[in-house]
Amino acid sequence: MTLRTDETLPHNFIRHCPHCGSHEFKAQSTKEFLCGACGFNFFTNSAAAAVALISDTEGRLLMCRRGRQPGLGMLDLPGGFAEPSEKIEDALQREIQEELQCEVYDVQYFASEGNHYIFSGYMVFTTDMAFTCRLKGKPEAADDVASLVWLRPEEINLDEIAFDSIRQLTAKYIEKHK
């Protein structure tokens, strides 16, 4: 069954109060919910994610091939979601360690983009923050990364990138490094 995008939005998807389980959990807007039974107030917020723009001495950008859905087999930047209460800089370090088996240094904020995609039938909203950085060590694909590829900016096909936000961040990076 293919879900229509509007069916996956939180205000059309969430039907029960996560606190008491009541059916009286009603959308107040596209992001706010209020339970008529227990008064629980809930907001759907954007999840924070950090991605790395890692270049080598030849000016190539390190990209990953995704090893799982969403976007299985498509290009992505290394990185991922911040854990609850985790600083975004720490999330970047942890994600790079998990996905590339390396540490990063010389980390500099680059740009951010909002994104949304359907995961498990539910619309997920993210704020993806990109950082330029350097690697300590030789990267190896791990975790949800199927493989790694170093690409010159002119070799990057933006249509092969899994997510709109990563496509936009990569395009900004390419434009800046022409």
Protein backbone atom coordinates (compact mmCIF):
# COMPACT_ATOMS: atom_id res chain seq x y z
CA MET A 1 0.00 0.00 0.00
CA THR A 2 1.37 3.40 -0.98
CA LEU A 3 0.55 6.15 1.47
CA ARG A 4 -0.33 9.60 0.26
CA THR A 5 1.86 12.31 1.74
CA ASP A 6 -1.05 13.93 3.62
CA GLU A 7 -1.82 10.61 5.37
CA THR A 8 1.72 10.55 6.79
CA LEU A 9 1.63 14.00 8.37
CA PRO A 10 1.59 13.90 12.18
CA HIS A 11 -1.80 15.59 12.53
CA ASN A 12 -3.34 12.88 10.31
CA PHE A 13 -1.26 9.98 11.64
CA ILE A 14 -1.17 10.28 15.44
CA ARG A 15 -4.51 9.07 16.80
CA HIS A 16 -3.96 8.21 20.49
CA CYS A 17 -2.54 10.11 23.44
CA PRO A 18 0.97 8.81 24.22
CA HIS A 19 0.35 9.56 27.92
CA CYS A 20 -3.03 7.94 28.61
CA GLY A 21 -3.90 6.18 25.33
CA SER A 22 -7.16 8.11 24.88
CA HIS A 23 -8.81 8.57 21.49
CA GLU A 24 -9.48 12.19 22.54
CA PHE A 25 -6.03 13.21 21.34
CA LYS A 26 -6.82 15.96 18.85
CA ALA A 27 -4.65 18.02 16.54
CA GLN A 28 -4.74 21.70 17.45
CA SER A 29 -2.61 22.54 14.39
CA THR A 30 -0.27 20.69 12.04
CA LYS A 31 2.26 20.37 14.88
CA GLU A 32 0.36 20.60 18.19
CA PHE A 33 -1.86 18.00 19.88
CA LEU A 34 -3.97 18.15 23.04
CA CYS A 35 -5.59 15.25 24.88
CA GLY A 36 -9.16 15.95 25.98
CA ALA A 37 -8.99 13.15 28.56
CA CYS A 38 -5.78 13.92 30.50
CA GLY A 39 -4.72 17.36 29.19
CA PHE A 40 -1.41 16.11 27.78
CA ASN A 41 -0.02 18.67 25.30
CA PHE A 42 2.32 17.38 22.59
CA PHE A 43 4.30 19.06 19.79
CA THR A 44 5.95 17.43 16.81
CA ASN A 45 9.34 19.06 16.34
CA SER A 46 12.17 18.80 13.89
CA ALA A 47 14.90 16.29 14.75
CA ALA A 48 18.44 17.66 14.71
CA ALA A 49 21.01 15.98 12.50
CA ALA A 50 24.67 16.66 11.73
CA VAL A 51 26.44 15.85 8.47
CA ALA A 52 30.07 16.18 7.44
CA LEU A 53 31.47 17.77 4.31
CA ILE A 54 34.88 16.08 4.19
CA SER A 55 37.27 16.88 1.37
CA ASP A 56 40.69 15.44 0.61
CA THR A 57 43.85 17.13 -0.65
CA GLU A 58 42.65 16.61 -4.26
CA GLY A 59 39.43 18.55 -3.60
CA ARG A 60 37.19 15.48 -3.69
CA LEU A 61 34.17 15.22 -1.38
CA LEU A 62 33.56 12.05 0.64
CA MET A 63 30.08 10.66 0.06
CA CYS A 64 28.40 7.50 1.30
CA ARG A 65 26.14 4.98 -0.39
CA ARG A 66 23.26 4.28 1.95
CA GLY A 67 22.99 0.73 3.23
CA ARG A 68 19.35 0.97 4.33
CA GLN A 69 16.09 2.72 3.68
CA PRO A 70 15.16 5.43 3.21
CA GLY A 71 17.26 6.00 0.11
CA LEU A 72 18.92 2.58 -0.01
CA GLY A 73 21.88 2.69 -2.44
CA MET A 74 21.71 6.44 -2.96
CA LEU A 75 24.38 8.99 -2.10
CA ASP A 76 24.43 10.75 1.25
CA LEU A 77 26.84 12.69 3.42
CA PRO A 78 28.20 10.93 6.50
CA GLY A 79 26.39 11.86 9.70
CA GLY A 80 23.08 11.34 11.44
CA PHE A 81 20.69 12.28 14.18
CA ALA A 82 21.59 13.86 17.49
CA GLU A 83 20.59 11.79 20.50
CA PRO A 84 18.37 13.40 23.16
CA SER A 85 20.27 16.23 24.93
CA GLU A 86 23.39 15.65 22.80
CA LYS A 87 25.26 18.69 21.48
CA ILE A 88 25.29 18.78 17.68
CA GLU A 89 29.12 18.85 17.61
CA ASP A 90 29.19 15.69 19.74
CA ALA A 91 26.59 14.09 17.47
CA LEU A 92 28.81 14.78 14.47
CA GLN A 93 31.85 13.18 16.18
CA ARG A 94 29.82 10.14 17.28
CA GLU A 95 28.16 9.63 13.89
CA ILE A 96 31.46 9.89 12.00
CA GLN A 97 33.01 7.38 14.40
CA GLU A 98 30.06 5.02 13.87
CA GLU A 99 29.88 5.38 10.07
CA LEU A 100 33.52 5.95 9.07
CA GLN A 101 35.50 4.55 12.02
CA CYS A 102 37.37 7.89 12.22
CA GLU A 103 37.45 11.10 14.19
CA VAL A 104 36.99 14.57 12.74
CA TYR A 105 38.88 17.77 13.48
CA ASP A 106 38.95 21.35 12.21
CA VAL A 107 35.15 21.32 12.39
CA GLN A 108 33.49 24.46 10.99
CA TYR A 109 29.77 25.16 10.64
CA PHE A 110 28.82 25.41 6.95
CA ALA A 111 25.01 25.68 6.55
CA SER A 112 21.71 24.06 7.47
CA GLU A 113 18.62 22.89 5.60
CA GLY A 114 15.23 21.61 6.67
CA ASN A 115 14.02 18.28 5.38
CA HIS A 116 11.17 15.82 5.60
CA TYR A 117 10.69 12.25 4.46
CA ILE A 118 8.43 9.29 5.13
CA PHE A 119 9.82 6.61 7.45
CA SER A 120 7.66 3.67 8.59
CA GLY A 121 4.59 5.40 7.20
CA TYR A 122 5.17 8.59 9.20
CA MET A 123 6.44 11.98 8.04
CA VAL A 124 9.74 12.77 9.79
CA PHE A 125 10.97 16.38 9.94
CA THR A 126 14.67 17.17 10.34
CA THR A 127 17.00 20.14 10.54
CA ASP A 128 20.24 19.02 8.94
CA MET A 129 23.35 20.99 9.96
CA ALA A 130 26.44 20.61 7.79
CA PHE A 131 30.02 21.06 8.96
CA THR A 132 33.22 21.10 6.96
CA CYS A 133 35.91 19.04 8.65
CA ARG A 134 39.00 16.89 8.23
CA LEU A 135 39.45 13.22 9.09
CA LYS A 136 41.91 11.58 11.45
CA GLY A 137 42.55 8.15 9.98
CA LYS A 138 41.41 6.26 6.90
CA PRO A 139 37.62 6.01 6.57
CA GLU A 140 35.93 2.62 6.37
CA ALA A 141 32.22 2.09 5.67
CA ALA A 142 30.37 0.93 8.79
CA ASP A 143 26.93 1.07 10.45
CA ASP A 144 24.32 2.06 7.83
CA VAL A 145 26.91 3.01 5.18
CA ALA A 146 27.22 0.43 2.38
CA SER A 147 30.26 2.02 0.72
CA LEU A 148 32.29 5.21 0.44
CA VAL A 149 33.15 7.21 -2.66
CA TRP A 150 35.39 10.25 -3.14
CA LEU A 151 33.97 12.52 -5.87
CA ARG A 152 35.22 15.70 -7.48
CA PRO A 153 32.53 18.39 -7.34
CA GLU A 154 31.90 18.11 -11.10
CA GLU A 155 31.40 14.31 -10.74
CA ILE A 156 28.57 14.63 -8.23
CA ASN A 157 25.14 13.94 -9.71
CA LEU A 158 22.74 15.73 -7.36
CA ASP A 159 19.89 13.47 -8.55
CA GLU A 160 21.69 10.50 -6.98
CA ILE A 161 21.52 12.07 -3.49
CA ALA A 162 18.89 10.55 -1.21
CA PHE A 163 17.49 13.61 0.57
CA ASP A 164 16.51 17.11 -0.53
CA SER A 165 18.39 18.75 2.33
CA ILE A 166 21.61 16.86 1.57
CA ARG A 167 21.20 17.67 -2.12
CA GLN A 168 20.86 21.38 -1.27
CA LEU A 169 23.82 21.36 1.15
CA THR A 170 25.97 19.54 -1.40
CA ALA A 171 24.97 22.01 -4.13
CA LYS A 172 25.97 24.91 -1.84
CA TYR A 173 29.28 23.23 -1.16
CA ILE A 174 29.92 22.66 -4.89
CA GLU A 175 29.04 26.28 -5.68
CA LYS A 176 31.42 27.54 -3.02
CA HIS A 177 34.27 25.31 -4.23
CA LYS A 178 34.12 25.95 -7.99
